[in-house]
All heavy atoms as atom14 arrays in JSON, in Angstrom:
{
  "sequence": "PLQLRLIGARGGRTFGRNQRARRARIALVPTPGPAAPLRAARTQSTA",
  "atom14_mask": [
    [1, 1, 1, 1, 1, 1, 1, 0, 0, 0, 0, 0, 0, 0],
    [1, 1, 1, 1, 1, 1, 1, 1, 0, 0, 0, 0, 0, 0],
    [1, 1, 1, 1, 1, 1, 1, 1, 1, 0, 0, 0, 0, 0],
    [1, 1, 1, 1, 1, 1, 1, 1, 0, 0, 0, 0, 0, 0],
    [1, 1, 1, 1, 1, 1, 1, 1, 1, 1, 1, 0, 0, 0],
    [1, 1, 1, 1, 1, 1, 1, 1, 0, 0, 0, 0, 0, 0],
    [1, 1, 1, 1, 1, 1, 1, 1, 0, 0, 0, 0, 0, 0],
    [1, 1, 1, 1, 0, 0, 0, 0, 0, 0, 0, 0, 0, 0],
    [1, 1, 1, 1, 1, 0, 0, 0, 0, 0, 0, 0, 0, 0],
    [1, 1, 1, 1, 1, 1, 1, 1, 1, 1, 1, 0, 0, 0],
    [1, 1, 1, 1, 0, 0, 0, 0, 0, 0, 0, 0, 0, 0],
    [1, 1, 1, 1, 0, 0, 0, 0, 0, 0, 0, 0, 0, 0],
    [1, 1, 1, 1, 1, 1, 1, 1, 1, 1, 1, 0, 0, 0],
    [1, 1, 1, 1, 1, 1, 1, 0, 0, 0, 0, 0, 0, 0],
    [1, 1, 1, 1, 1, 1, 1, 1, 1, 1, 1, 0, 0, 0],
    [1, 1, 1, 1, 0, 0, 0, 0, 0, 0, 0, 0, 0, 0],
    [1, 1, 1, 1, 1, 1, 1, 1, 1, 1, 1, 0, 0, 0],
    [1, 1, 1, 1, 1, 1, 1, 1, 0, 0, 0, 0, 0, 0],
    [1, 1, 1, 1, 1, 1, 1, 1, 1, 0, 0, 0, 0, 0],
    [1, 1, 1, 1, 1, 1, 1, 1, 1, 1, 1, 0, 0, 0],
    [1, 1, 1, 1, 1, 0, 0, 0, 0, 0, 0, 0, 0, 0],
    [1, 1, 1, 1, 1, 1, 1, 1, 1, 1, 1, 0, 0, 0],
    [1, 1, 1, 1, 1, 1, 1, 1, 1, 1, 1, 0, 0, 0],
    [1, 1, 1, 1, 1, 0, 0, 0, 0, 0, 0, 0, 0, 0],
    [1, 1, 1, 1, 1, 1, 1, 1, 1, 1, 1, 0, 0, 0],
    [1, 1, 1, 1, 1, 1, 1, 1, 0, 0, 0, 0, 0, 0],
    [1, 1, 1, 1, 1, 0, 0, 0, 0, 0, 0, 0, 0, 0],
    [1, 1, 1, 1, 1, 1, 1, 1, 0, 0, 0, 0, 0, 0],
    [1, 1, 1, 1, 1, 1, 1, 0, 0, 0, 0, 0, 0, 0],
    [1, 1, 1, 1, 1, 1, 1, 0, 0, 0, 0, 0, 0, 0],
    [1, 1, 1, 1, 1, 1, 1, 0, 0, 0, 0, 0, 0, 0],
    [1, 1, 1, 1, 1, 1, 1, 0, 0, 0, 0, 0, 0, 0],
    [1, 1, 1, 1, 0, 0, 0, 0, 0, 0, 0, 0, 0, 0],
    [1, 1, 1, 1, 1, 1, 1, 0, 0, 0, 0, 0, 0, 0],
    [1, 1, 1, 1, 1, 0, 0, 0, 0, 0, 0, 0, 0, 0],
    [1, 1, 1, 1, 1, 0, 0, 0, 0, 0, 0, 0, 0, 0],
    [1, 1, 1, 1, 1, 1, 1, 0, 0, 0, 0, 0, 0, 0],
    [1, 1, 1, 1, 1, 1, 1, 1, 0, 0, 0, 0, 0, 0],
    [1, 1, 1, 1, 1, 1, 1, 1, 1, 1, 1, 0, 0, 0],
    [1, 1, 1, 1, 1, 0, 0, 0, 0, 0, 0, 0, 0, 0],
    [1, 1, 1, 1, 1, 0, 0, 0, 0, 0, 0, 0, 0, 0],
    [1, 1, 1, 1, 1, 1, 1, 1, 1, 1, 1, 0, 0, 0],
    [1, 1, 1, 1, 1, 1, 1, 0, 0, 0, 0, 0, 0, 0],
    [1, 1, 1, 1, 1, 1, 1, 1, 1, 0, 0, 0, 0, 0],
    [1, 1, 1, 1, 1, 1, 0, 0, 0, 0, 0, 0, 0, 0],
    [1, 1, 1, 1, 1, 1, 1, 0, 0, 0, 0, 0, 0, 0],
    [1, 1, 1, 1, 1, 0, 0, 0, 0, 0, 0, 0, 0, 0]
  ],
  "atom14_positions": [
    [[-133.26, 0.02, 64.5], [-133.16, 0.36, 65.91], [-131.93, 1.22, 66.23], [-131.99, 2.1, 67.1], [-133.05, -1.0, 66.6], [-133.72, -1.94, 65.66], [-133.43, -1.4, 64.29], [0.0, 0.0, 0.0], [0.0, 0.0, 0.0], [0.0, 0.0, 0.0], [0.0, 0.0, 0.0], [0.0, 0.0, 0.0], [0.0, 0.0, 0.0], [0.0, 0.0, 0.0]],
    [[-130.84, 1.03, 65.51], [-129.65, 1.83, 65.73], [-129.91, 3.3, 65.37], [-129.53, 4.22, 66.11], [-128.47, 1.29, 64.91], [-127.17, 2.09, 65.03], [-126.67, 2.07, 66.48], [-126.12, 1.56, 64.1], [0.0, 0.0, 0.0], [0.0, 0.0, 0.0], [0.0, 0.0, 0.0], [0.0, 0.0, 0.0], [0.0, 0.0, 0.0], [0.0, 0.0, 0.0]],
    [[-130.59, 3.53, 64.26], [-130.9, 4.89, 63.84], [-131.85, 5.57, 64.85], [-131.67, 6.73, 65.2], [-131.53, 4.9, 62.45], [-130.55, 4.55, 61.36], [-131.26, 4.39, 60.02], [-132.34, 3.81, 59.97], [-130.62, 4.88, 58.96], [0.0, 0.0, 0.0], [0.0, 0.0, 0.0], [0.0, 0.0, 0.0], [0.0, 0.0, 0.0], [0.0, 0.0, 0.0]],
    [[-132.84, 4.8, 65.33], [-133.76, 5.35, 66.34], [-133.01, 5.68, 67.62], [-133.29, 6.7, 68.27], [-134.89, 4.36, 66.61], [-135.87, 4.15, 65.45], [-136.84, 3.03, 65.8], [-136.61, 5.43, 65.14], [0.0, 0.0, 0.0], [0.0, 0.0, 0.0], [0.0, 0.0, 0.0], [0.0, 0.0, 0.0], [0.0, 0.0, 0.0], [0.0, 0.0, 0.0]],
    [[-132.05, 4.83, 68.0], [-131.25, 5.07, 69.2], [-130.44, 6.35, 69.04], [-130.33, 7.15, 69.98], [-130.36, 3.87, 69.47], [-129.81, 3.84, 70.87], [-129.05, 2.56, 71.18], [-129.88, 1.37, 71.05], [-129.6, 0.34, 70.24], [-128.51, 0.34, 69.5], [-130.39, -0.7, 70.17], [0.0, 0.0, 0.0], [0.0, 0.0, 0.0], [0.0, 0.0, 0.0]],
    [[-129.88, 6.57, 67.86], [-129.11, 7.79, 67.62], [-129.98, 9.04, 67.67], [-129.58, 10.08, 68.2], [-128.41, 7.7, 66.25], [-127.26, 6.69, 66.16], [-126.74, 6.59, 64.74], [-126.15, 7.07, 67.11], [0.0, 0.0, 0.0], [0.0, 0.0, 0.0], [0.0, 0.0, 0.0], [0.0, 0.0, 0.0], [0.0, 0.0, 0.0], [0.0, 0.0, 0.0]],
    [[-131.22, 8.93, 67.15], [-132.15, 10.06, 67.22], [-132.47, 10.37, 68.68], [-132.48, 11.53, 69.1], [-133.44, 9.75, 66.42], [-133.14, 9.71, 64.93], [-134.52, 10.78, 66.72], [-134.29, 9.21, 64.09], [0.0, 0.0, 0.0], [0.0, 0.0, 0.0], [0.0, 0.0, 0.0], [0.0, 0.0, 0.0], [0.0, 0.0, 0.0], [0.0, 0.0, 0.0]],
    [[-132.72, 9.34, 69.47], [-133.01, 9.54, 70.89], [-131.83, 10.12, 71.63], [-131.98, 10.99, 72.49], [0.0, 0.0, 0.0], [0.0, 0.0, 0.0], [0.0, 0.0, 0.0], [0.0, 0.0, 0.0], [0.0, 0.0, 0.0], [0.0, 0.0, 0.0], [0.0, 0.0, 0.0], [0.0, 0.0, 0.0], [0.0, 0.0, 0.0], [0.0, 0.0, 0.0]],
    [[-130.61, 9.64, 71.3], [-129.41, 10.16, 71.95], [-129.22, 11.63, 71.61], [-128.81, 12.43, 72.45], [-128.19, 9.35, 71.54], [0.0, 0.0, 0.0], [0.0, 0.0, 0.0], [0.0, 0.0, 0.0], [0.0, 0.0, 0.0], [0.0, 0.0, 0.0], [0.0, 0.0, 0.0], [0.0, 0.0, 0.0], [0.0, 0.0, 0.0], [0.0, 0.0, 0.0]],
    [[-129.52, 12.0, 70.37], [-129.38, 13.4, 69.95], [-130.32, 14.27, 70.79], [-129.95, 15.35, 71.24], [-129.7, 13.53, 68.47], [-129.3, 14.85, 67.89], [-129.57, 14.91, 66.39], [-129.06, 13.76, 65.67], [-129.75, 13.05, 64.78], [-130.99, 13.39, 64.49], [-129.22, 12.03, 64.17], [0.0, 0.0, 0.0], [0.0, 0.0, 0.0], [0.0, 0.0, 0.0]],
    [[-131.53, 13.77, 71.02], [-132.48, 14.52, 71.85], [-132.0, 14.62, 73.28], [-132.13, 15.66, 73.92], [0.0, 0.0, 0.0], [0.0, 0.0, 0.0], [0.0, 0.0, 0.0], [0.0, 0.0, 0.0], [0.0, 0.0, 0.0], [0.0, 0.0, 0.0], [0.0, 0.0, 0.0], [0.0, 0.0, 0.0], [0.0, 0.0, 0.0], [0.0, 0.0, 0.0]],
    [[-131.41, 13.54, 73.79], [-130.9, 13.56, 75.16], [-129.74, 14.52, 75.31], [-129.63, 15.24, 76.31], [0.0, 0.0, 0.0], [0.0, 0.0, 0.0], [0.0, 0.0, 0.0], [0.0, 0.0, 0.0], [0.0, 0.0, 0.0], [0.0, 0.0, 0.0], [0.0, 0.0, 0.0], [0.0, 0.0, 0.0], [0.0, 0.0, 0.0], [0.0, 0.0, 0.0]],
    [[-128.86, 14.56, 74.31], [-127.73, 15.49, 74.36], [-128.23, 16.93, 74.32], [-127.74, 17.8, 75.03], [-126.76, 15.22, 73.21], [-125.87, 14.02, 73.45], [-124.74, 13.97, 72.44], [-125.22, 13.86, 71.07], [-125.43, 12.7, 70.43], [-125.2, 11.56, 71.04], [-125.84, 12.68, 69.19], [0.0, 0.0, 0.0], [0.0, 0.0, 0.0], [0.0, 0.0, 0.0]],
    [[-129.23, 17.18, 73.48], [-129.79, 18.52, 73.38], [-130.44, 18.93, 74.7], [-130.27, 20.05, 75.18], [-130.84, 18.59, 72.25], [-130.23, 18.14, 71.05], [-131.39, 19.97, 72.07], [0.0, 0.0, 0.0], [0.0, 0.0, 0.0], [0.0, 0.0, 0.0], [0.0, 0.0, 0.0], [0.0, 0.0, 0.0], [0.0, 0.0, 0.0], [0.0, 0.0, 0.0]],
    [[-131.18, 18.0, 75.3], [-131.81, 18.28, 76.58], [-130.75, 18.61, 77.63], [-130.88, 19.57, 78.39], [-132.65, 17.08, 77.02], [-133.31, 17.26, 78.35], [-134.46, 18.01, 78.47], [-132.77, 16.69, 79.5], [-135.07, 18.18, 79.71], [-133.36, 16.86, 80.72], [-134.52, 17.61, 80.83], [0.0, 0.0, 0.0], [0.0, 0.0, 0.0], [0.0, 0.0, 0.0]],
    [[-129.7, 17.81, 77.69], [-128.62, 18.05, 78.65], [-127.93, 19.38, 78.42], [-127.63, 20.12, 79.36], [0.0, 0.0, 0.0], [0.0, 0.0, 0.0], [0.0, 0.0, 0.0], [0.0, 0.0, 0.0], [0.0, 0.0, 0.0], [0.0, 0.0, 0.0], [0.0, 0.0, 0.0], [0.0, 0.0, 0.0], [0.0, 0.0, 0.0], [0.0, 0.0, 0.0]],
    [[-127.69, 19.72, 77.17], [-127.05, 21.0, 76.85], [-127.95, 22.16, 77.29], [-127.48, 23.14, 77.87], [-126.77, 21.07, 75.34], [-126.02, 22.32, 74.92], [-125.58, 22.31, 73.46], [-126.67, 22.02, 72.54], [-126.75, 20.91, 71.79], [-125.81, 19.99, 71.85], [-127.77, 20.72, 70.98], [0.0, 0.0, 0.0], [0.0, 0.0, 0.0], [0.0, 0.0, 0.0]],
    [[-129.24, 22.04, 77.05], [-130.18, 23.1, 77.46], [-130.23, 23.22, 78.99], [-130.29, 24.32, 79.52], [-131.57, 22.83, 76.9], [-131.62, 22.99, 75.41], [-130.77, 23.66, 74.83], [-132.62, 22.39, 74.78], [0.0, 0.0, 0.0], [0.0, 0.0, 0.0], [0.0, 0.0, 0.0], [0.0, 0.0, 0.0], [0.0, 0.0, 0.0], [0.0, 0.0, 0.0]],
    [[-130.21, 22.07, 79.67], [-130.22, 22.1, 81.14], [-128.97, 22.79, 81.68], [-129.05, 23.59, 82.61], [-130.3, 20.68, 81.7], [-131.65, 20.03, 81.61], [-132.64, 20.69, 82.53], [-133.39, 21.56, 82.12], [-132.63, 20.3, 83.77], [0.0, 0.0, 0.0], [0.0, 0.0, 0.0], [0.0, 0.0, 0.0], [0.0, 0.0, 0.0], [0.0, 0.0, 0.0]],
    [[-127.8, 22.45, 81.11], [-126.56, 23.09, 81.57], [-126.59, 24.58, 81.32], [-126.17, 25.38, 82.16], [-125.37, 22.43, 80.89], [-125.03, 21.05, 81.44], [-123.72, 20.52, 80.88], [-123.76, 20.32, 79.43], [-124.27, 19.23, 78.84], [-124.77, 18.25, 79.57], [-124.26, 19.12, 77.53], [0.0, 0.0, 0.0], [0.0, 0.0, 0.0], [0.0, 0.0, 0.0]],
    [[-127.11, 25.0, 80.17], [-127.2, 26.42, 79.85], [-128.14, 27.12, 80.82], [-127.88, 28.23, 81.29], [-127.68, 26.62, 78.41], [0.0, 0.0, 0.0], [0.0, 0.0, 0.0], [0.0, 0.0, 0.0], [0.0, 0.0, 0.0], [0.0, 0.0, 0.0], [0.0, 0.0, 0.0], [0.0, 0.0, 0.0], [0.0, 0.0, 0.0], [0.0, 0.0, 0.0]],
    [[-129.25, 26.46, 81.16], [-130.21, 27.03, 82.09], [-129.58, 27.2, 83.47], [-129.74, 28.23, 84.12], [-131.42, 26.1, 82.16], [-132.71, 26.83, 82.43], [-133.92, 25.92, 82.29], [-134.23, 25.67, 80.89], [-134.44, 24.48, 80.34], [-134.38, 23.4, 81.07], [-134.72, 24.36, 79.06], [0.0, 0.0, 0.0], [0.0, 0.0, 0.0], [0.0, 0.0, 0.0]],
    [[-128.85, 26.18, 83.91], [-128.18, 26.25, 85.22], [-127.13, 27.36, 85.24], [-126.96, 28.05, 86.24], [-127.53, 24.91, 85.56], [-128.52, 23.89, 86.03], [-127.82, 22.7, 86.65], [-128.63, 21.51, 86.42], [-128.3, 20.5, 85.64], [-127.15, 20.49, 85.02], [-129.1, 19.48, 85.5], [0.0, 0.0, 0.0], [0.0, 0.0, 0.0], [0.0, 0.0, 0.0]],
    [[-126.4, 27.53, 84.14], [-125.37, 28.57, 84.07], [-126.01, 29.95, 84.14], [-125.47, 30.85, 84.8], [-124.57, 28.42, 82.78], [0.0, 0.0, 0.0], [0.0, 0.0, 0.0], [0.0, 0.0, 0.0], [0.0, 0.0, 0.0], [0.0, 0.0, 0.0], [0.0, 0.0, 0.0], [0.0, 0.0, 0.0], [0.0, 0.0, 0.0], [0.0, 0.0, 0.0]],
    [[-127.16, 30.14, 83.49], [-127.84, 31.43, 83.56], [-128.32, 31.71, 84.96], [-128.25, 32.84, 85.44], [-129.03, 31.46, 82.61], [-128.65, 31.99, 81.24], [-129.84, 32.03, 80.36], [-130.02, 30.65, 79.92], [-131.11, 30.14, 79.41], [-132.15, 30.86, 79.25], [-131.16, 28.88, 79.04], [0.0, 0.0, 0.0], [0.0, 0.0, 0.0], [0.0, 0.0, 0.0]],
    [[-128.81, 30.69, 85.66], [-129.28, 30.87, 87.03], [-128.1, 31.19, 87.94], [-128.21, 32.0, 88.85], [-130.05, 29.61, 87.51], [-131.37, 29.49, 86.76], [-130.28, 29.65, 89.0], [-132.12, 28.21, 87.02], [0.0, 0.0, 0.0], [0.0, 0.0, 0.0], [0.0, 0.0, 0.0], [0.0, 0.0, 0.0], [0.0, 0.0, 0.0], [0.0, 0.0, 0.0]],
    [[-126.94, 30.57, 87.67], [-125.77, 30.82, 88.5], [-125.27, 32.25, 88.34], [-124.66, 32.8, 89.26], [-124.66, 29.83, 88.15], [0.0, 0.0, 0.0], [0.0, 0.0, 0.0], [0.0, 0.0, 0.0], [0.0, 0.0, 0.0], [0.0, 0.0, 0.0], [0.0, 0.0, 0.0], [0.0, 0.0, 0.0], [0.0, 0.0, 0.0], [0.0, 0.0, 0.0]],
    [[-125.52, 32.89, 87.2], [-125.07, 34.26, 86.98], [-125.93, 35.29, 87.7], [-125.5, 36.41, 87.93], [-125.06, 34.57, 85.47], [-124.05, 33.78, 84.64], [-124.21, 34.13, 83.17], [-122.63, 34.07, 85.1], [0.0, 0.0, 0.0], [0.0, 0.0, 0.0], [0.0, 0.0, 0.0], [0.0, 0.0, 0.0], [0.0, 0.0, 0.0], [0.0, 0.0, 0.0]],
    [[-127.15, 34.9, 88.04], [-128.05, 35.83, 88.74], [-127.56, 35.99, 90.17], [-127.33, 34.99, 90.87], [-129.5, 35.29, 88.72], [-130.42, 36.17, 89.54], [-130.0, 35.17, 87.3], [0.0, 0.0, 0.0], [0.0, 0.0, 0.0], [0.0, 0.0, 0.0], [0.0, 0.0, 0.0], [0.0, 0.0, 0.0], [0.0, 0.0, 0.0], [0.0, 0.0, 0.0]],
    [[-127.35, 37.24, 90.62], [-126.88, 37.41, 91.99], [-127.93, 36.94, 93.0], [-129.12, 37.16, 92.82], [-126.65, 38.91, 92.11], [-127.47, 39.52, 91.05], [-127.57, 38.5, 89.95], [0.0, 0.0, 0.0], [0.0, 0.0, 0.0], [0.0, 0.0, 0.0], [0.0, 0.0, 0.0], [0.0, 0.0, 0.0], [0.0, 0.0, 0.0], [0.0, 0.0, 0.0]],
    [[-127.45, 36.28, 94.03], [-128.37, 35.78, 95.05], [-128.79, 36.93, 95.95], [-127.98, 37.79, 96.3], [-127.71, 34.68, 95.9], [-126.54, 35.22, 96.48], [-127.36, 33.48, 95.05], [0.0, 0.0, 0.0], [0.0, 0.0, 0.0], [0.0, 0.0, 0.0], [0.0, 0.0, 0.0], [0.0, 0.0, 0.0], [0.0, 0.0, 0.0], [0.0, 0.0, 0.0]],
    [[-130.05, 36.98, 96.32], [-130.5, 38.06, 97.2], [-129.9, 37.89, 98.6], [-129.56, 36.79, 99.02], [-132.02, 37.9, 97.22], [-132.26, 36.48, 96.85], [-131.12, 36.08, 95.96], [0.0, 0.0, 0.0], [0.0, 0.0, 0.0], [0.0, 0.0, 0.0], [0.0, 0.0, 0.0], [0.0, 0.0, 0.0], [0.0, 0.0, 0.0], [0.0, 0.0, 0.0]],
    [[-129.79, 39.02, 99.31], [-129.26, 38.99, 100.66], [-130.2, 38.26, 101.6], [-131.31, 37.88, 101.22], [0.0, 0.0, 0.0], [0.0, 0.0, 0.0], [0.0, 0.0, 0.0], [0.0, 0.0, 0.0], [0.0, 0.0, 0.0], [0.0, 0.0, 0.0], [0.0, 0.0, 0.0], [0.0, 0.0, 0.0], [0.0, 0.0, 0.0], [0.0, 0.0, 0.0]],
    [[-129.77, 38.07, 102.82], [-130.64, 37.37, 103.77], [-131.91, 38.17, 104.04], [-131.87, 39.4, 104.12], [-129.77, 37.25, 105.03], [-128.74, 38.3, 104.89], [-128.52, 38.5, 103.42], [0.0, 0.0, 0.0], [0.0, 0.0, 0.0], [0.0, 0.0, 0.0], [0.0, 0.0, 0.0], [0.0, 0.0, 0.0], [0.0, 0.0, 0.0], [0.0, 0.0, 0.0]],
    [[-132.99, 37.48, 104.13], [-134.28, 38.12, 104.35], [-134.37, 38.61, 105.79], [-133.87, 37.96, 106.72], [-135.41, 37.15, 104.06], [0.0, 0.0, 0.0], [0.0, 0.0, 0.0], [0.0, 0.0, 0.0], [0.0, 0.0, 0.0], [0.0, 0.0, 0.0], [0.0, 0.0, 0.0], [0.0, 0.0, 0.0], [0.0, 0.0, 0.0], [0.0, 0.0, 0.0]],
    [[-135.0, 39.74, 105.97], [-135.2, 40.28, 107.31], [-136.24, 39.42, 108.02], [-137.24, 39.02, 107.42], [-135.66, 41.72, 107.23], [0.0, 0.0, 0.0], [0.0, 0.0, 0.0], [0.0, 0.0, 0.0], [0.0, 0.0, 0.0], [0.0, 0.0, 0.0], [0.0, 0.0, 0.0], [0.0, 0.0, 0.0], [0.0, 0.0, 0.0], [0.0, 0.0, 0.0]],
    [[-136.03, 39.13, 109.28], [-137.03, 38.32, 109.99], [-138.35, 39.07, 110.12], [-138.36, 40.29, 110.32], [-136.38, 38.08, 111.36], [-135.38, 39.17, 111.51], [-134.93, 39.52, 110.13], [0.0, 0.0, 0.0], [0.0, 0.0, 0.0], [0.0, 0.0, 0.0], [0.0, 0.0, 0.0], [0.0, 0.0, 0.0], [0.0, 0.0, 0.0], [0.0, 0.0, 0.0]],
    [[-139.42, 38.35, 109.97], [-140.74, 38.96, 110.07], [-141.06, 39.24, 111.53], [-140.85, 38.4, 112.41], [-141.8, 38.04, 109.49], [-141.68, 37.77, 107.99], [-142.75, 36.75, 107.57], [-141.87, 39.06, 107.23], [0.0, 0.0, 0.0], [0.0, 0.0, 0.0], [0.0, 0.0, 0.0], [0.0, 0.0, 0.0], [0.0, 0.0, 0.0], [0.0, 0.0, 0.0]],
    [[-141.56, 40.45, 111.77], [-141.98, 40.78, 113.12], [-143.46, 40.45, 113.27], [-144.23, 40.63, 112.33], [-141.78, 42.28, 113.4], [-140.33, 42.67, 113.48], [-140.19, 44.11, 113.88], [-140.89, 44.94, 112.88], [-141.32, 46.17, 113.12], [-141.13, 46.72, 114.29], [-141.94, 46.86, 112.19], [0.0, 0.0, 0.0], [0.0, 0.0, 0.0], [0.0, 0.0, 0.0]],
    [[-143.81, 39.98, 114.41], [-145.22, 39.68, 114.66], [-145.97, 41.0, 114.8], [-145.58, 41.88, 115.57], [-145.37, 38.85, 115.93], [0.0, 0.0, 0.0], [0.0, 0.0, 0.0], [0.0, 0.0, 0.0], [0.0, 0.0, 0.0], [0.0, 0.0, 0.0], [0.0, 0.0, 0.0], [0.0, 0.0, 0.0], [0.0, 0.0, 0.0], [0.0, 0.0, 0.0]],
    [[-147.03, 41.16, 114.02], [-147.82, 42.38, 114.09], [-148.6, 42.39, 115.4], [-149.12, 41.37, 115.85], [-148.76, 42.45, 112.9], [0.0, 0.0, 0.0], [0.0, 0.0, 0.0], [0.0, 0.0, 0.0], [0.0, 0.0, 0.0], [0.0, 0.0, 0.0], [0.0, 0.0, 0.0], [0.0, 0.0, 0.0], [0.0, 0.0, 0.0], [0.0, 0.0, 0.0]],
    [[-148.66, 43.57, 116.0], [-149.4, 43.68, 117.26], [-150.88, 43.59, 116.95], [-151.4, 44.3, 116.09], [-149.1, 45.03, 117.92], [-149.75, 45.14, 119.27], [-149.48, 46.52, 119.87], [-150.18, 46.69, 121.12], [-151.48, 46.95, 121.23], [-152.22, 47.04, 120.15], [-152.06, 47.09, 122.39], [0.0, 0.0, 0.0], [0.0, 0.0, 0.0], [0.0, 0.0, 0.0]],
    [[-151.56, 42.69, 117.62], [-152.99, 42.53, 117.39], [-153.75, 43.33, 118.44], [-153.31, 43.48, 119.57], [-153.4, 41.05, 117.47], [-153.04, 40.54, 118.74], [-152.73, 40.25, 116.37], [0.0, 0.0, 0.0], [0.0, 0.0, 0.0], [0.0, 0.0, 0.0], [0.0, 0.0, 0.0], [0.0, 0.0, 0.0], [0.0, 0.0, 0.0], [0.0, 0.0, 0.0]],
    [[-154.89, 43.81, 118.03], [-155.72, 44.61, 118.91], [-156.62, 43.68, 119.72], [-157.2, 42.75, 119.18], [-156.57, 45.54, 118.04], [-157.33, 46.58, 118.78], [-158.09, 47.47, 117.81], [-158.58, 46.99, 116.8], [-158.17, 48.74, 118.12], [0.0, 0.0, 0.0], [0.0, 0.0, 0.0], [0.0, 0.0, 0.0], [0.0, 0.0, 0.0], [0.0, 0.0, 0.0]],
    [[-156.71, 43.96, 121.0], [-157.57, 43.11, 121.83], [-159.03, 43.5, 121.6], [-159.34, 44.56, 121.07], [-157.22, 43.27, 123.31], [-157.64, 44.53, 123.77], [0.0, 0.0, 0.0], [0.0, 0.0, 0.0], [0.0, 0.0, 0.0], [0.0, 0.0, 0.0], [0.0, 0.0, 0.0], [0.0, 0.0, 0.0], [0.0, 0.0, 0.0], [0.0, 0.0, 0.0]],
    [[-159.93, 42.63, 122.01], [-161.35, 42.89, 121.84], [-161.78, 44.11, 122.62], [-162.54, 44.96, 122.13], [-162.16, 41.66, 122.29], [-161.69, 40.51, 121.58], [-163.64, 41.83, 122.01], [0.0, 0.0, 0.0], [0.0, 0.0, 0.0], [0.0, 0.0, 0.0], [0.0, 0.0, 0.0], [0.0, 0.0, 0.0], [0.0, 0.0, 0.0], [0.0, 0.0, 0.0]],
    [[-161.29, 44.23, 123.85], [-161.65, 45.38, 124.69], [-161.17, 46.68, 124.06], [-161.89, 47.7, 124.09], [-161.06, 45.21, 126.08], [0.0, 0.0, 0.0], [0.0, 0.0, 0.0], [0.0, 0.0, 0.0], [0.0, 0.0, 0.0], [0.0, 0.0, 0.0], [0.0, 0.0, 0.0], [0.0, 0.0, 0.0], [0.0, 0.0, 0.0], [0.0, 0.0, 0.0]]
  ]
}
């Protein structure tokens, strides 16, 4: 059971390391500017 626990911990550490690397890559991507508000399109009346 101790060896199995160590194998599981190794997987957990790897998962955590990959998650941190993923978050760091996302943090490096510049955030887009504020979106322009959508204007309501003028609809044509039936007449």
